[in-house]
Amino acid sequence: TNEVDFNEHITREKNLFLTALTRAKERVFLSFPNNIPAIEEVAPSIFLKNIFGGKEITRENCEKIKLNGHSVIYEENGYSDFFERATRLGEANEEVDEHITSKEELEIVLKRFIGYGLDKEKFSNMLDKYKLGYLDKNYLLMEEPCLPELPVSRDIGANFTYSHTSIKNYLECPRKFYYSRVLDIPGPKSIHLIIGSIEHEIVQNLHNQKKYPQIDENVFNEILNEVWERYRGEFDNEFYEIVWKNYITGRILDYMNRYGKYFKNVYETEKEFKLYLNNKYIISGKIDRIDKRDDSYEIIDYKKSGNGKENRLINMFYTRSEDFQMPVYYYGAKDSLGINPSIFSYIFFDFDKKRRCEKVEIPIMNLDVKGRIRHVTPEIMEEVKIKLVSILDDIAMERTGFNRGDNTECRTYRGYRCEYLNICNQSQL
């Protein structure tokens, strides 16, 4: 990477580090490997070194440091000793009870201690020697320093609820689905998720005709400021907050100017549904907007950014099995809400990274038009439904073992980075 990119990365990391120091209610734990460098990926943070002014990280030097008026406490082998006792507990052939976690949860715990002189080969051997790999959850919660409560594994049974997003996660990587939906570990908030949430809230308020019968720029600014107050603490600093606020302002005003004349067609916003697919699987969802169009309805989904015309968006579920949002929402509207959609539309607030709002409409037609696929038919939707049920069968039967997908990209430079990269024992960097 070049020097400019590196400096930008360091600046962002520094902001996150300072945020952690200033927002902690009681304590901040700064951990590092005893054997440096035990593993290159978990070498001490350069900001931890900065705190010590380049001096060796020792108990004596800790006593000389104050952070925001608070003492720095040095606990040598504190976590390491805890790790050794926890692993002994894991080897014990104790009877399983409600306080015992699964082997998968054990992997998460071991990942937290990997920095203590435990290289990747030893880590793999450590897992292999467990018969069942149990850890006593109560022990984990009672010992100091306290660790967050470990997640409880969910059963994928008759009452398990899917969403189009969780299905997409599974298709990207079964392991990711396991961490996010089976163990129910929430992923970290990314700035893109935060911006998407703000945009959705603003647009939903714009369509509240009872509260705002007339929409203009003054009403928009009122809504923007009201929504923004709830998200002010999500930004690293005032500079980023101003940048993103200007970005959102431009995107939503463009949306109002280009598509405001259709606001009178809004029938429902944020409409929830629960679909019982083939009386076998439960899929829930929330449709951003439903418009009334003559004798039928239009389903509209907002996207912060993206690109693609009709054929690409259709093939995401029809030929490539990547994203089943459109068929899930189609059957959710039809079977759960009792409405017959004739058009599915995506509204991209930032289309193709060109800072312009664009709408892509996909008609749902009975007529089979030859040539480039720009529409779908009810017959196509039935084909896709069969495919979707087959995928859910695989998930329910755990046919993949929730192992990492063969073509999964755990991390790419300036691209997608899996939020479970640091705890996944199958990740490939």
Protein backbone atom coordinates (compact mmCIF):
# COMPACT_ATOMS: atom_id res chain seq x y z
CA THR A 1 0.00 0.00 0.00
CA ASN A 2 1.21 3.55 -0.62
CA GLU A 3 2.06 6.06 2.09
CA VAL A 4 -1.13 8.10 1.63
CA ASP A 5 -3.39 5.05 2.09
CA PHE A 6 -1.35 3.91 5.10
CA ASN A 7 -1.58 7.30 6.82
CA GLU A 8 -5.34 7.44 6.18
CA HIS A 9 -5.72 3.96 7.69
CA ILE A 10 -3.68 4.92 10.76
CA THR A 11 -5.74 8.09 11.25
CA ARG A 12 -8.98 6.10 11.25
CA GLU A 13 -7.56 3.51 13.66
CA LYS A 14 -6.37 6.29 15.96
CA ASN A 15 -9.84 7.84 16.03
CA LEU A 16 -11.36 4.48 16.98
CA PHE A 17 -8.74 3.99 19.68
CA LEU A 18 -9.35 7.44 21.18
CA THR A 19 -13.10 6.85 21.05
CA ALA A 20 -12.68 3.67 23.09
CA LEU A 21 -10.60 5.49 25.71
CA THR A 22 -13.09 8.33 26.14
CA ARG A 23 -16.37 6.39 26.05
CA ALA A 24 -15.65 3.49 28.37
CA LYS A 25 -17.85 3.65 31.48
CA GLU A 26 -15.42 1.98 33.88
CA ARG A 27 -12.38 0.29 32.34
CA VAL A 28 -10.59 -0.18 29.05
CA PHE A 29 -8.64 -3.42 28.55
CA LEU A 30 -5.54 -3.10 26.36
CA SER A 31 -4.15 -6.56 25.65
CA PHE A 32 -1.07 -7.71 23.76
CA PRO A 33 0.88 -10.97 23.32
CA ASN A 34 3.40 -11.93 25.98
CA ASN A 35 5.72 -13.28 23.32
CA ILE A 36 6.19 -10.44 20.84
CA PRO A 37 5.62 -11.00 18.01
CA ALA A 38 3.81 -14.28 18.72
CA ILE A 39 1.57 -13.81 15.72
CA GLU A 40 2.09 -10.96 13.30
CA GLU A 41 -1.64 -10.20 12.99
CA VAL A 42 -2.01 -9.55 16.73
CA ALA A 43 1.15 -7.54 17.41
CA PRO A 44 0.64 -4.70 19.93
CA SER A 45 -1.11 -1.63 18.62
CA ILE A 46 1.22 1.24 17.76
CA PHE A 47 -1.06 3.44 19.88
CA LEU A 48 -0.36 1.24 22.90
CA LYS A 49 3.32 1.83 22.26
CA ASN A 50 2.63 5.57 22.01
CA ILE A 51 1.06 5.56 25.48
CA PHE A 52 4.34 4.26 26.88
CA GLY A 53 6.34 6.82 24.92
CA GLY A 54 8.31 4.11 23.18
CA LYS A 55 9.39 2.57 26.50
CA GLU A 56 9.02 -1.11 27.34
CA ILE A 57 5.52 -2.14 28.45
CA THR A 58 6.15 -3.10 32.09
CA ARG A 59 4.45 -2.83 35.47
CA GLU A 60 6.91 -0.12 36.56
CA ASN A 61 6.23 2.04 33.52
CA CYS A 62 2.47 1.60 33.99
CA GLU A 63 2.69 3.21 37.43
CA LYS A 64 4.05 6.39 35.84
CA ILE A 65 1.18 6.80 33.36
CA LYS A 66 -2.19 8.50 33.71
CA LEU A 67 -4.90 8.32 31.02
CA ASN A 68 -7.60 10.97 31.42
CA GLY A 69 -6.70 11.09 35.11
CA HIS A 70 -7.04 7.31 35.55
CA SER A 71 -4.35 4.87 36.57
CA VAL A 72 -3.04 2.20 34.22
CA ILE A 73 -3.01 -1.23 35.85
CA TYR A 74 -0.63 -3.88 34.58
CA GLU A 75 -1.76 -7.50 34.99
CA GLU A 76 0.91 -9.80 33.68
CA ASN A 77 -0.46 -13.20 32.60
CA GLY A 78 -3.92 -12.18 33.79
CA TYR A 79 -5.61 -13.45 30.68
CA SER A 80 -3.01 -16.14 30.10
CA ASP A 81 -3.66 -17.71 33.52
CA PHE A 82 -7.38 -17.50 32.87
CA PHE A 83 -6.83 -19.24 29.53
CA GLU A 84 -4.97 -22.15 31.13
CA ARG A 85 -7.70 -22.71 33.72
CA ALA A 86 -10.40 -22.47 31.06
CA THR A 87 -8.70 -25.04 28.83
CA ARG A 88 -8.33 -27.46 31.75
CA LEU A 89 -12.03 -27.06 32.36
CA GLY A 90 -12.63 -27.82 28.70
CA GLU A 91 -10.78 -31.12 28.94
CA ALA A 92 -12.82 -32.33 31.91
CA ASN A 93 -15.39 -35.02 31.16
CA GLU A 94 -18.15 -33.22 32.97
CA GLU A 95 -21.80 -33.93 32.42
CA VAL A 96 -23.36 -31.44 30.01
CA ASP A 97 -25.88 -29.05 31.53
CA GLU A 98 -27.54 -25.78 30.59
CA HIS A 99 -24.44 -23.78 31.54
CA ILE A 100 -22.15 -25.55 29.07
CA THR A 101 -21.31 -23.93 25.76
CA SER A 102 -20.72 -25.62 22.43
CA LYS A 103 -17.46 -26.43 20.73
CA GLU A 104 -18.08 -23.60 18.30
CA GLU A 105 -18.28 -21.14 21.19
CA LEU A 106 -15.05 -22.59 22.53
CA GLU A 107 -13.39 -21.65 19.25
CA ILE A 108 -14.41 -18.04 19.83
CA VAL A 109 -12.89 -18.08 23.33
CA LEU A 110 -9.66 -19.63 22.08
CA LYS A 111 -9.43 -16.98 19.40
CA ARG A 112 -9.38 -14.35 22.14
CA PHE A 113 -6.29 -15.93 23.68
CA ILE A 114 -4.42 -16.75 20.50
CA GLY A 115 -1.97 -13.92 21.13
CA TYR A 116 -0.43 -15.59 24.17
CA GLY A 117 2.34 -17.48 22.43
CA LEU A 118 -0.17 -19.81 20.77
CA ASP A 119 0.64 -20.07 17.07
CA LYS A 120 -1.84 -21.31 14.47
CA GLU A 121 -0.56 -24.90 14.49
CA LYS A 122 -0.82 -25.13 18.29
CA PHE A 123 -4.24 -23.54 18.13
CA SER A 124 -5.46 -26.26 15.73
CA ASN A 125 -3.98 -29.00 17.90
CA MET A 126 -5.61 -27.47 20.98
CA LEU A 127 -9.02 -27.75 19.36
CA ASP A 128 -8.41 -31.30 18.12
CA LYS A 129 -7.61 -32.67 21.58
CA TYR A 130 -11.00 -31.70 23.01
CA LYS A 131 -13.47 -34.57 23.12
CA LEU A 132 -16.46 -32.25 23.12
CA GLY A 133 -14.73 -28.97 23.84
CA TYR A 134 -17.00 -27.81 26.68
CA LEU A 135 -16.49 -24.70 28.78
CA ASP A 136 -18.47 -23.72 31.85
CA LYS A 137 -20.23 -20.48 30.94
CA ASN A 138 -20.73 -19.50 34.59
CA TYR A 139 -16.98 -19.73 35.10
CA LEU A 140 -16.37 -17.43 32.16
CA LEU A 141 -18.80 -14.86 33.50
CA MET A 142 -17.57 -14.92 37.11
CA GLU A 143 -13.82 -14.68 36.58
CA GLU A 144 -11.97 -11.37 36.46
CA PRO A 145 -11.40 -9.64 34.17
CA CYS A 146 -14.98 -10.21 33.04
CA LEU A 147 -15.52 -11.27 29.46
CA PRO A 148 -18.72 -10.57 27.51
CA GLU A 149 -21.38 -13.23 27.80
CA LEU A 150 -20.86 -15.91 25.20
CA PRO A 151 -23.68 -16.38 22.69
CA VAL A 152 -26.13 -19.23 23.05
CA SER A 153 -26.50 -21.46 20.01
CA ARG A 154 -29.93 -21.48 18.39
CA ASP A 155 -31.69 -24.56 17.11
CA ILE A 156 -32.64 -24.49 13.44
CA GLY A 157 -36.08 -25.96 13.96
CA ALA A 158 -39.62 -25.38 12.78
CA ASN A 159 -39.80 -21.94 14.44
CA PHE A 160 -36.47 -20.65 13.13
CA THR A 161 -37.05 -17.39 11.22
CA TYR A 162 -35.06 -16.52 8.12
CA SER A 163 -34.75 -13.26 6.22
CA HIS A 164 -33.51 -12.53 2.72
CA THR A 165 -30.35 -11.10 4.33
CA SER A 166 -29.62 -14.22 6.39
CA ILE A 167 -30.15 -16.39 3.29
CA LYS A 168 -27.76 -14.14 1.38
CA ASN A 169 -25.20 -14.52 4.19
CA TYR A 170 -25.49 -18.30 3.95
CA LEU A 171 -24.95 -18.22 0.18
CA GLU A 172 -21.89 -15.99 0.65
CA CYS A 173 -20.45 -18.23 3.35
CA PRO A 174 -22.24 -20.84 5.53
CA ARG A 175 -19.76 -20.02 8.29
CA LYS A 176 -20.87 -16.40 8.31
CA PHE A 177 -24.51 -17.54 8.62
CA TYR A 178 -23.50 -19.77 11.53
CA TYR A 179 -21.92 -16.92 13.48
CA SER A 180 -24.62 -14.34 12.70
CA ARG A 181 -27.82 -16.41 12.93
CA VAL A 182 -27.09 -19.67 14.74
CA LEU A 183 -24.80 -18.29 17.44
CA ASP A 184 -26.55 -14.94 17.06
CA ILE A 185 -23.36 -12.84 17.30
CA PRO A 186 -24.15 -9.30 16.11
CA GLY A 187 -21.71 -7.86 13.61
CA PRO A 188 -20.10 -4.47 14.22
CA LYS A 189 -21.84 -1.36 12.93
CA SER A 190 -20.25 -0.12 9.74
CA ILE A 191 -20.54 3.47 8.57
CA HIS A 192 -22.43 2.25 5.50
CA LEU A 193 -25.09 0.56 7.66
CA ILE A 194 -25.42 3.72 9.74
CA ILE A 195 -25.81 5.93 6.66
CA GLY A 196 -28.33 3.49 5.19
CA SER A 197 -30.37 3.60 8.40
CA ILE A 198 -30.37 7.41 8.42
CA GLU A 199 -31.48 7.56 4.78
CA HIS A 200 -34.28 5.06 5.41
CA GLU A 201 -35.57 7.02 8.42
CA ILE A 202 -35.55 10.31 6.54
CA VAL A 203 -37.38 8.87 3.53
CA GLN A 204 -39.95 7.14 5.75
CA ASN A 205 -40.70 10.50 7.40
CA LEU A 206 -40.99 12.21 4.02
CA HIS A 207 -43.85 9.82 3.22
CA ASN A 208 -45.70 10.47 6.48
CA GLN A 209 -48.51 12.41 4.81
CA LYS A 210 -50.43 12.93 8.05
CA LYS A 211 -47.50 14.72 9.67
CA TYR A 212 -46.14 16.33 6.49
CA PRO A 213 -48.96 16.84 3.94
CA GLN A 214 -46.71 19.12 1.85
CA ILE A 215 -43.06 18.28 1.19
CA ASP A 216 -40.46 20.93 0.43
CA GLU A 217 -36.83 21.63 1.29
CA ASN A 218 -37.75 23.24 4.63
CA VAL A 219 -39.65 20.11 5.67
CA PHE A 220 -36.71 17.99 4.55
CA ASN A 221 -34.28 20.01 6.70
CA GLU A 222 -36.61 19.66 9.70
CA ILE A 223 -36.73 15.88 9.23
CA LEU A 224 -32.97 15.65 8.60
CA ASN A 225 -32.08 17.49 11.82
CA GLU A 226 -34.57 15.47 13.87
CA VAL A 227 -33.20 12.14 12.60
CA TRP A 228 -29.59 13.29 12.79
CA GLU A 229 -29.77 13.99 16.51
CA ARG A 230 -30.31 10.27 17.15
CA TYR A 231 -27.14 9.32 15.28
CA ARG A 232 -24.68 12.04 16.29
CA GLY A 233 -22.71 9.70 18.54
CA GLU A 234 -22.07 7.24 15.70
CA PHE A 235 -19.41 9.35 13.96
CA ASP A 236 -15.71 9.37 14.80
CA ASN A 237 -15.39 13.13 14.75
CA GLU A 238 -17.10 16.34 13.68
CA PHE A 239 -15.36 16.38 10.31
CA TYR A 240 -16.76 12.98 9.24
CA GLU A 241 -20.17 13.97 10.57
CA ILE A 242 -20.26 17.06 8.34
CA VAL A 243 -19.04 15.10 5.30
CA TRP A 244 -21.72 12.42 5.68
CA LYS A 245 -24.46 14.92 6.45
CA ASN A 246 -23.69 16.80 3.22
CA TYR A 247 -23.58 13.50 1.34
CA ILE A 248 -27.02 12.43 2.61
CA THR A 249 -28.50 15.87 1.98
CA GLY A 250 -27.44 15.73 -1.67
CA ARG A 251 -28.76 12.20 -2.18
CA ILE A 252 -32.19 12.75 -0.61
CA LEU A 253 -32.77 16.12 -2.31
CA ASP A 254 -31.95 14.45 -5.63
CA TYR A 255 -34.46 11.71 -4.78
CA MET A 256 -37.13 14.33 -4.00
CA ASN A 257 -36.47 16.28 -7.20
CA ARG A 258 -36.49 13.24 -9.48
CA TYR A 259 -39.27 11.16 -7.95
CA GLY A 260 -41.27 13.54 -5.73
CA LYS A 261 -44.16 13.60 -8.21
CA TYR A 262 -44.83 9.93 -7.37
CA PHE A 263 -45.09 10.47 -3.60
CA LYS A 264 -48.88 10.71 -3.93
CA ASN A 265 -48.93 7.01 -4.93
CA VAL A 266 -47.49 5.81 -1.61
CA TYR A 267 -49.75 3.13 -0.09
CA GLU A 268 -47.60 1.75 2.77
CA THR A 269 -44.10 2.26 4.18
CA GLU A 270 -41.97 -0.07 6.32
CA LYS A 271 -44.59 -2.83 5.93
CA GLU A 272 -43.66 -5.99 7.80
CA PHE A 273 -44.59 -9.48 6.61
CA LYS A 274 -44.13 -13.06 7.72
CA LEU A 275 -44.07 -15.62 4.92
CA TYR A 276 -44.70 -19.33 5.54
CA LEU A 277 -42.93 -20.80 2.52
CA ASN A 278 -44.51 -24.11 1.50
CA ASN A 279 -45.87 -24.31 5.07
CA LYS A 280 -42.34 -25.34 5.98
CA TYR A 281 -40.11 -22.31 6.51
CA ILE A 282 -40.71 -18.90 8.10
CA ILE A 283 -39.24 -15.88 6.35
CA SER A 284 -39.80 -12.40 7.75
CA GLY A 285 -39.10 -9.06 6.13
CA LYS A 286 -39.96 -5.40 5.91
CA ILE A 287 -40.86 -3.74 2.61
CA ASP A 288 -39.55 -0.18 2.44
CA ARG A 289 -42.45 1.14 0.39
CA ILE A 290 -45.55 -0.05 -1.48
CA ASP A 291 -47.16 2.17 -4.13
CA LYS A 292 -50.68 1.82 -5.57
CA ARG A 293 -50.63 1.63 -9.36
CA ASP A 294 -54.09 1.45 -10.98
CA ASP A 295 -55.31 -2.07 -10.18
CA SER A 296 -51.99 -3.43 -8.87
CA TYR A 297 -49.07 -2.54 -6.60
CA GLU A 298 -45.40 -1.64 -6.86
CA ILE A 299 -42.85 -2.89 -4.33
CA ILE A 300 -39.99 -0.43 -3.78
CA ASP A 301 -36.71 -1.12 -1.99
CA TYR A 302 -34.21 1.61 -1.13
CA LYS A 303 -30.49 1.01 -1.52
CA LYS A 304 -27.76 3.32 -0.24
CA SER A 305 -25.70 2.56 -3.32
CA GLY A 306 -25.34 0.01 -6.09
CA ASN A 307 -25.68 -0.47 -9.80
CA GLY A 308 -27.13 -2.77 -12.40
CA LYS A 309 -29.96 -2.79 -14.86
CA GLU A 310 -32.91 -5.17 -15.02
CA ASN A 311 -31.15 -8.27 -16.36
CA ARG A 312 -28.33 -8.13 -13.80
CA LEU A 313 -30.71 -7.66 -10.87
CA ILE A 314 -32.93 -10.53 -12.06
CA ASN A 315 -30.00 -12.88 -12.59
CA MET A 316 -28.85 -12.30 -9.01
CA PHE A 317 -31.55 -14.79 -7.99
CA TYR A 318 -32.58 -16.45 -11.28
CA THR A 319 -29.26 -17.77 -12.59
CA ARG A 320 -26.63 -17.04 -9.92
CA SER A 321 -28.48 -17.71 -6.64
CA GLU A 322 -26.83 -14.77 -4.86
CA ASP A 323 -29.67 -12.62 -3.53
CA PHE A 324 -33.31 -13.71 -3.20
CA GLN A 325 -34.71 -10.42 -1.94
CA MET A 326 -37.05 -9.85 -4.89
CA PRO A 327 -38.76 -13.29 -4.83
CA VAL A 328 -38.98 -13.24 -1.01
CA TYR A 329 -40.68 -9.82 -1.09
CA TYR A 330 -42.88 -10.86 -4.00
CA TYR A 331 -44.28 -13.85 -2.10
CA GLY A 332 -44.32 -11.89 1.15
CA ALA A 333 -46.58 -9.28 -0.46
CA LYS A 334 -48.69 -11.82 -2.32
CA ASP A 335 -49.16 -14.57 0.27
CA SER A 336 -48.77 -12.65 3.54
CA LEU A 337 -50.14 -9.17 2.77
CA GLY A 338 -52.68 -10.23 0.15
CA ILE A 339 -51.61 -7.77 -2.53
CA ASN A 340 -50.66 -8.55 -6.13
CA PRO A 341 -47.43 -6.75 -7.11
CA SER A 342 -46.89 -6.02 -10.80
CA ILE A 343 -43.57 -4.18 -10.48
CA PHE A 344 -40.52 -4.52 -8.23
CA SER A 345 -38.32 -1.41 -8.11
CA TYR A 346 -34.94 -0.56 -6.64
CA ILE A 347 -34.17 3.07 -5.82
CA PHE A 348 -30.40 3.61 -5.54
CA PHE A 349 -29.57 6.85 -3.72
CA ASP A 350 -26.02 6.73 -5.10
CA PHE A 351 -26.19 4.88 -8.40
CA ASP A 352 -22.92 3.52 -9.77
CA LYS A 353 -20.93 5.86 -7.45
CA LYS A 354 -22.00 8.85 -9.55
CA ARG A 355 -23.77 10.71 -6.73
CA ARG A 356 -27.15 10.57 -8.46
CA CYS A 357 -30.39 8.85 -7.51
CA GLU A 358 -31.77 6.34 -9.98
CA LYS A 359 -34.73 3.97 -10.06
CA VAL A 360 -34.66 0.58 -11.79
CA GLU A 361 -38.07 -1.03 -12.45
CA ILE A 362 -38.58 -4.75 -13.05
CA PRO A 363 -42.08 -5.61 -14.32
CA ILE A 364 -43.73 -8.86 -13.22
CA MET A 365 -45.59 -9.88 -16.38
CA ASN A 366 -47.54 -12.84 -17.70
CA LEU A 367 -46.28 -12.16 -21.23
CA ASP A 368 -43.04 -13.94 -22.13
CA VAL A 369 -41.04 -11.43 -24.18
CA LYS A 370 -38.10 -12.91 -26.06
CA GLY A 371 -34.64 -11.40 -25.89
CA ARG A 372 -32.84 -9.67 -23.06
CA ILE A 373 -34.40 -10.38 -19.68
CA ARG A 374 -35.93 -7.12 -18.45
CA HIS A 375 -38.89 -8.59 -16.59
CA VAL A 376 -39.97 -11.69 -14.66
CA THR A 377 -43.04 -13.87 -14.98
CA PRO A 378 -45.04 -15.73 -12.31
CA GLU A 379 -43.59 -18.93 -13.81
CA ILE A 380 -40.05 -17.67 -13.20
CA MET A 381 -41.00 -16.86 -9.62
CA GLU A 382 -42.29 -20.42 -9.13
CA GLU A 383 -38.99 -21.81 -10.44
CA VAL A 384 -37.08 -19.58 -8.05
CA LYS A 385 -39.32 -20.61 -5.15
CA ILE A 386 -38.40 -24.28 -5.70
CA LYS A 387 -34.72 -23.32 -5.71
CA LEU A 388 -35.15 -21.27 -2.54
CA VAL A 389 -36.87 -24.13 -0.69
CA SER A 390 -33.98 -26.41 -1.68
CA ILE A 391 -31.48 -23.94 -0.20
CA LEU A 392 -33.46 -23.74 3.05
CA ASP A 393 -33.54 -27.55 3.13
CA ASP A 394 -29.73 -27.52 3.01
CA ILE A 395 -29.56 -25.03 5.87
CA ALA A 396 -32.07 -26.89 8.04
CA MET A 397 -30.28 -30.21 7.51
CA GLU A 398 -26.87 -28.53 8.04
CA ARG A 399 -25.64 -30.20 4.87
CA THR A 400 -22.66 -27.87 4.57
CA GLY A 401 -21.71 -28.30 8.21
CA PHE A 402 -21.63 -24.48 8.19
CA ASN A 403 -18.08 -24.63 6.88
CA ARG A 404 -16.43 -21.84 4.95
CA GLY A 405 -17.57 -21.63 1.33
CA ASP A 406 -15.07 -22.69 -1.34
CA ASN A 407 -15.32 -19.38 -3.18
CA THR A 408 -15.69 -17.16 -0.13
CA GLU A 409 -13.54 -14.04 -0.02
CA CYS A 410 -12.81 -13.37 3.64
CA ARG A 411 -11.10 -10.11 2.89
CA THR A 412 -10.06 -8.18 -0.19
CA TYR A 413 -8.09 -4.94 -0.35
CA ARG A 414 -10.46 -1.96 -0.31
CA GLY A 415 -13.31 -4.40 -0.71
CA TYR A 416 -15.48 -6.72 1.31
CA ARG A 417 -14.25 -7.64 4.77
CA CYS A 418 -16.19 -10.25 6.71
CA GLU A 419 -17.20 -8.93 10.12
CA TYR A 420 -16.46 -12.33 11.69
CA LEU A 421 -12.91 -12.55 10.35
CA ASN A 422 -11.25 -12.24 13.76
CA ILE A 423 -13.17 -15.08 15.41
CA CYS A 424 -13.48 -17.52 12.51
CA ASN A 425 -11.13 -20.49 12.73
CA GLN A 426 -11.59 -21.13 9.00
CA SER A 427 -10.73 -17.64 7.77
CA GLN A 428 -8.19 -17.18 5.01
CA LEU A 429 -6.40 -13.86 4.81
